[in-house]
């Protein structure tokens, strides 16, 4: 699969990710992230970026649940806060600007 990542440059670029690399990444994350079948993730990242694969597959790999936020919700702090309140995910990751949007909404 080819996905897009900004890496350290801040400019998106396509990179190749083999399935075995993704499986290895997910396996290693289960050692670092406390995640179990009762856990859930609110995914706010577009599917074309690398971290989306963690948001999507880690919950599924561990038997948990994933909630997919649409683009409008991900970019609007008030809508995102409402989504967090409604879904009550145990986990969420975002970029610093994503967290800032949420913080600015109160």
N, C-alpha and C. Protein backbone atom coordinates (compact mmCIF):
# COMPACT_ATOMS: atom_id res chain seq x y z
N UNK A 1 0.84 -1.17 0.00
CA UNK A 1 0.00 0.00 0.00
C UNK A 1 0.88 1.23 0.00
N UNK A 2 0.41 2.29 -0.60
CA UNK A 2 1.09 3.58 -0.55
C UNK A 2 0.24 4.51 0.30
N UNK A 3 0.87 5.11 1.29
CA UNK A 3 0.19 6.08 2.15
C UNK A 3 1.00 7.37 2.12
N UNK A 4 0.47 8.39 2.73
CA UNK A 4 1.15 9.68 2.75
C UNK A 4 1.52 10.05 4.17
N UNK A 5 2.71 10.60 4.30
CA UNK A 5 3.21 11.03 5.60
C UNK A 5 4.00 12.31 5.41
N UNK A 6 3.96 13.18 6.40
CA UNK A 6 4.76 14.40 6.33
C UNK A 6 6.12 14.19 6.97
N UNK A 7 6.24 13.15 7.77
CA UNK A 7 7.53 12.89 8.41
C UNK A 7 8.05 14.11 9.12
N UNK A 8 9.32 14.37 9.00
CA UNK A 8 9.92 15.53 9.67
C UNK A 8 9.93 16.77 8.79
N UNK A 9 9.55 16.63 7.52
CA UNK A 9 9.62 17.77 6.60
C UNK A 9 8.39 18.66 6.64
N UNK A 10 7.26 18.12 7.05
CA UNK A 10 6.02 18.88 7.02
C UNK A 10 5.36 18.88 5.67
N UNK A 11 6.00 18.25 4.69
CA UNK A 11 5.44 18.17 3.34
C UNK A 11 5.03 16.72 3.06
N UNK A 12 3.74 16.50 2.71
CA UNK A 12 3.30 15.12 2.45
C UNK A 12 4.09 14.45 1.33
N UNK A 13 4.38 13.17 1.53
CA UNK A 13 5.05 12.38 0.50
C UNK A 13 4.53 10.95 0.59
N UNK A 14 4.48 10.29 -0.55
CA UNK A 14 4.01 8.91 -0.59
C UNK A 14 5.09 7.95 -0.13
N UNK A 15 4.72 6.97 0.68
CA UNK A 15 5.64 5.95 1.13
C UNK A 15 4.97 4.58 1.01
N UNK A 16 5.77 3.58 0.76
CA UNK A 16 5.27 2.22 0.63
C UNK A 16 5.28 1.53 2.00
N UNK A 17 4.17 0.92 2.36
CA UNK A 17 4.08 0.17 3.61
C UNK A 17 3.60 -1.24 3.27
N UNK A 18 4.41 -2.21 3.59
CA UNK A 18 4.03 -3.60 3.35
C UNK A 18 3.18 -4.09 4.52
N UNK A 19 2.33 -5.06 4.26
CA UNK A 19 1.44 -5.57 5.29
C UNK A 19 2.20 -6.07 6.51
N UNK A 20 3.33 -6.73 6.28
CA UNK A 20 4.10 -7.25 7.41
C UNK A 20 4.62 -6.13 8.30
N UNK A 21 4.93 -4.97 7.69
CA UNK A 21 5.38 -3.83 8.49
C UNK A 21 4.26 -3.31 9.38
N UNK A 22 3.06 -3.28 8.84
CA UNK A 22 1.91 -2.83 9.62
C UNK A 22 1.64 -3.80 10.77
N UNK A 23 1.67 -5.08 10.51
CA UNK A 23 1.45 -6.08 11.56
C UNK A 23 2.51 -5.96 12.65
N UNK A 24 3.75 -5.77 12.26
CA UNK A 24 4.84 -5.60 13.23
C UNK A 24 4.62 -4.35 14.07
N UNK A 25 4.21 -3.26 13.43
CA UNK A 25 3.93 -2.01 14.13
C UNK A 25 2.80 -2.19 15.14
N UNK A 26 1.71 -2.81 14.71
CA UNK A 26 0.59 -3.03 15.62
C UNK A 26 0.99 -3.91 16.79
N UNK A 27 1.75 -4.96 16.52
CA UNK A 27 2.22 -5.84 17.58
C UNK A 27 3.05 -5.07 18.60
N UNK A 28 3.95 -4.22 18.11
CA UNK A 28 4.79 -3.45 19.03
C UNK A 28 3.97 -2.44 19.82
N UNK A 29 2.94 -1.86 19.22
CA UNK A 29 2.11 -0.88 19.92
C UNK A 29 1.31 -1.53 21.05
N UNK A 30 0.98 -2.80 20.91
CA UNK A 30 0.23 -3.47 21.99
C UNK A 30 1.08 -3.58 23.25
N UNK A 31 2.38 -3.46 23.12
CA UNK A 31 3.26 -3.49 24.28
C UNK A 31 3.36 -2.10 24.94
N UNK A 32 3.08 -1.04 24.17
CA UNK A 32 3.23 0.33 24.67
C UNK A 32 1.91 1.01 25.04
N UNK A 33 0.83 0.57 24.42
CA UNK A 33 -0.47 1.21 24.64
C UNK A 33 -1.38 0.23 25.36
N UNK A 34 -1.96 0.64 26.46
CA UNK A 34 -2.88 -0.20 27.21
C UNK A 34 -4.20 -0.28 26.44
N UNK A 35 -4.38 -1.34 25.72
CA UNK A 35 -5.55 -1.51 24.87
C UNK A 35 -6.05 -2.93 25.01
N UNK A 36 -7.38 -3.08 25.19
CA UNK A 36 -7.96 -4.40 25.35
C UNK A 36 -9.33 -4.43 24.66
N UNK A 37 -10.02 -5.55 24.68
CA UNK A 37 -11.30 -5.64 23.97
C UNK A 37 -12.37 -4.64 24.41
N UNK A 38 -12.25 -4.07 25.59
CA UNK A 38 -13.24 -3.06 26.01
C UNK A 38 -12.81 -1.64 25.64
N UNK A 39 -11.64 -1.49 25.02
CA UNK A 39 -11.13 -0.18 24.62
C UNK A 39 -11.72 0.27 23.28
N UNK A 40 -11.64 1.58 23.06
CA UNK A 40 -12.11 2.13 21.78
C UNK A 40 -11.26 3.33 21.40
N UNK A 41 -11.26 3.63 20.11
CA UNK A 41 -10.52 4.77 19.56
C UNK A 41 -11.47 5.65 18.77
N UNK A 42 -11.35 6.95 18.95
CA UNK A 42 -12.02 7.90 18.07
C UNK A 42 -10.98 8.31 17.04
N UNK A 43 -11.18 7.91 15.80
CA UNK A 43 -10.24 8.19 14.73
C UNK A 43 -10.59 9.51 14.06
N UNK A 44 -9.63 10.44 14.08
CA UNK A 44 -9.85 11.77 13.50
C UNK A 44 -8.91 12.06 12.34
N UNK A 45 -8.14 11.07 11.93
CA UNK A 45 -7.14 11.25 10.88
C UNK A 45 -7.67 10.74 9.54
N UNK A 46 -7.36 11.46 8.47
CA UNK A 46 -7.76 11.01 7.15
C UNK A 46 -7.07 9.69 6.81
N UNK A 47 -7.75 8.85 6.06
CA UNK A 47 -7.22 7.51 5.75
C UNK A 47 -5.97 7.53 4.89
N UNK A 48 -5.62 8.66 4.33
CA UNK A 48 -4.44 8.70 3.46
C UNK A 48 -3.15 8.98 4.23
N UNK A 49 -3.23 9.16 5.55
CA UNK A 49 -2.02 9.40 6.33
C UNK A 49 -1.69 8.20 7.21
N UNK A 50 -0.42 8.07 7.52
CA UNK A 50 0.10 6.87 8.17
C UNK A 50 -0.53 6.54 9.52
N UNK A 51 -0.78 7.52 10.35
CA UNK A 51 -1.27 7.22 11.69
C UNK A 51 -2.69 6.67 11.69
N UNK A 52 -3.42 6.89 10.59
CA UNK A 52 -4.77 6.33 10.49
C UNK A 52 -4.76 4.82 10.65
N UNK A 53 -3.72 4.17 10.16
CA UNK A 53 -3.65 2.72 10.23
C UNK A 53 -3.54 2.23 11.68
N UNK A 54 -2.91 3.02 12.53
CA UNK A 54 -2.90 2.70 13.95
C UNK A 54 -4.30 2.88 14.53
N UNK A 55 -4.94 4.01 14.20
CA UNK A 55 -6.27 4.29 14.72
C UNK A 55 -7.30 3.25 14.29
N UNK A 56 -7.18 2.76 13.08
CA UNK A 56 -8.14 1.80 12.55
C UNK A 56 -7.86 0.37 12.99
N UNK A 57 -6.63 -0.06 12.82
CA UNK A 57 -6.34 -1.48 13.01
C UNK A 57 -5.98 -1.89 14.43
N UNK A 58 -5.44 -1.00 15.26
CA UNK A 58 -5.12 -1.41 16.63
C UNK A 58 -6.38 -1.85 17.38
N UNK A 59 -7.47 -1.07 17.32
CA UNK A 59 -8.68 -1.54 18.02
C UNK A 59 -9.18 -2.87 17.47
N UNK A 60 -9.15 -3.02 16.16
CA UNK A 60 -9.65 -4.25 15.55
C UNK A 60 -8.74 -5.43 15.88
N UNK A 61 -7.45 -5.19 15.88
CA UNK A 61 -6.46 -6.22 16.21
C UNK A 61 -6.62 -6.72 17.64
N UNK A 62 -7.04 -5.82 18.53
CA UNK A 62 -7.18 -6.17 19.94
C UNK A 62 -8.62 -6.51 20.32
N UNK A 63 -9.54 -6.49 19.36
CA UNK A 63 -10.93 -6.83 19.65
C UNK A 63 -11.74 -5.67 20.19
N UNK A 64 -11.21 -4.44 20.06
CA UNK A 64 -11.90 -3.26 20.56
C UNK A 64 -12.78 -2.64 19.48
N UNK A 65 -13.06 -1.37 19.66
CA UNK A 65 -13.98 -0.65 18.77
C UNK A 65 -13.31 0.61 18.24
N UNK A 66 -13.64 0.96 17.00
CA UNK A 66 -13.14 2.20 16.41
C UNK A 66 -14.32 3.04 15.94
N UNK A 67 -14.29 4.32 16.27
CA UNK A 67 -15.29 5.28 15.81
C UNK A 67 -14.60 6.20 14.82
N UNK A 68 -15.16 6.34 13.63
CA UNK A 68 -14.57 7.19 12.60
C UNK A 68 -15.27 8.55 12.58
N UNK A 69 -14.52 9.60 12.87
CA UNK A 69 -15.06 10.96 12.80
C UNK A 69 -14.94 11.45 11.36
N UNK A 70 -15.96 12.16 10.88
CA UNK A 70 -15.86 12.71 9.53
C UNK A 70 -14.96 13.95 9.54
N UNK A 71 -14.59 14.41 8.37
CA UNK A 71 -13.65 15.52 8.24
C UNK A 71 -14.16 16.77 8.94
N UNK A 72 -15.44 17.09 8.76
CA UNK A 72 -16.01 18.29 9.37
C UNK A 72 -15.90 18.24 10.89
N UNK A 73 -16.18 17.09 11.46
CA UNK A 73 -16.09 16.92 12.91
C UNK A 73 -14.65 17.05 13.38
N UNK A 74 -13.73 16.45 12.64
CA UNK A 74 -12.32 16.48 13.01
C UNK A 74 -11.75 17.89 13.03
N UNK A 75 -12.30 18.77 12.19
CA UNK A 75 -11.77 20.13 12.06
C UNK A 75 -12.49 21.15 12.93
N UNK A 76 -13.58 20.76 13.54
CA UNK A 76 -14.40 21.67 14.34
C UNK A 76 -14.34 21.24 15.81
N UNK A 77 -13.70 22.04 16.63
CA UNK A 77 -13.50 21.68 18.03
C UNK A 77 -14.79 21.41 18.79
N UNK A 78 -15.84 22.18 18.49
CA UNK A 78 -17.12 21.99 19.19
C UNK A 78 -17.77 20.66 18.80
N UNK A 79 -17.75 20.36 17.50
CA UNK A 79 -18.30 19.08 17.04
C UNK A 79 -17.48 17.92 17.57
N UNK A 80 -16.16 18.11 17.59
CA UNK A 80 -15.28 17.05 18.08
C UNK A 80 -15.52 16.79 19.56
N UNK A 81 -15.67 17.85 20.33
CA UNK A 81 -15.95 17.68 21.76
C UNK A 81 -17.26 16.93 21.96
N UNK A 82 -18.27 17.25 21.16
CA UNK A 82 -19.56 16.56 21.26
C UNK A 82 -19.40 15.08 20.90
N UNK A 83 -18.62 14.80 19.87
CA UNK A 83 -18.37 13.41 19.46
C UNK A 83 -17.66 12.63 20.56
N UNK A 84 -16.69 13.26 21.21
CA UNK A 84 -15.98 12.62 22.31
C UNK A 84 -16.95 12.33 23.46
N UNK A 85 -17.80 13.30 23.76
CA UNK A 85 -18.78 13.11 24.83
C UNK A 85 -19.76 11.98 24.50
N UNK A 86 -20.23 11.93 23.26
CA UNK A 86 -21.20 10.90 22.86
C UNK A 86 -20.59 9.51 22.79
N UNK A 87 -19.42 9.40 22.20
CA UNK A 87 -18.80 8.09 21.98
C UNK A 87 -18.00 7.61 23.18
N UNK A 88 -17.48 8.55 23.98
CA UNK A 88 -16.65 8.24 25.15
C UNK A 88 -15.53 7.24 24.83
N UNK A 89 -14.69 7.56 23.83
CA UNK A 89 -13.60 6.63 23.50
C UNK A 89 -12.57 6.58 24.62
N UNK A 90 -11.95 5.44 24.77
CA UNK A 90 -10.89 5.32 25.77
C UNK A 90 -9.57 5.90 25.25
N UNK A 91 -9.44 6.01 23.92
CA UNK A 91 -8.21 6.50 23.31
C UNK A 91 -8.52 7.44 22.14
N UNK A 92 -7.64 8.39 21.95
CA UNK A 92 -7.70 9.26 20.77
C UNK A 92 -6.31 9.85 20.59
N UNK A 93 -5.87 9.93 19.38
CA UNK A 93 -4.62 10.60 19.09
C UNK A 93 -4.92 11.68 18.07
N UNK A 94 -4.15 12.76 18.10
CA UNK A 94 -4.33 13.84 17.14
C UNK A 94 -3.01 14.59 17.00
N UNK A 95 -2.94 15.40 15.98
CA UNK A 95 -1.78 16.27 15.80
C UNK A 95 -1.86 17.40 16.83
N UNK A 96 -0.77 18.09 17.06
CA UNK A 96 -0.84 19.24 17.97
C UNK A 96 -1.90 20.27 17.54
N UNK A 97 -2.04 20.49 16.25
CA UNK A 97 -3.07 21.45 15.79
C UNK A 97 -4.47 20.90 16.05
N UNK A 98 -4.64 19.59 15.97
CA UNK A 98 -5.93 18.98 16.29
C UNK A 98 -6.29 19.15 17.75
N UNK A 99 -5.31 18.95 18.62
CA UNK A 99 -5.56 19.16 20.05
C UNK A 99 -5.84 20.64 20.33
N UNK A 100 -5.16 21.54 19.61
CA UNK A 100 -5.37 22.97 19.80
C UNK A 100 -6.80 23.37 19.45
N UNK A 101 -7.33 22.83 18.34
CA UNK A 101 -8.71 23.11 17.95
C UNK A 101 -9.67 22.67 19.06
N UNK A 102 -9.41 21.52 19.63
CA UNK A 102 -10.25 21.01 20.71
C UNK A 102 -10.12 21.90 21.96
N UNK A 103 -8.92 22.27 22.31
CA UNK A 103 -8.71 23.13 23.47
C UNK A 103 -9.39 24.50 23.30
N UNK A 104 -9.29 25.05 22.11
CA UNK A 104 -9.89 26.37 21.84
C UNK A 104 -11.41 26.35 21.92
N UNK A 105 -11.99 25.19 21.77
CA UNK A 105 -13.44 25.06 21.85
C UNK A 105 -13.91 25.02 23.30
N UNK A 106 -12.97 24.94 24.21
CA UNK A 106 -13.33 24.92 25.64
C UNK A 106 -13.32 23.53 26.21
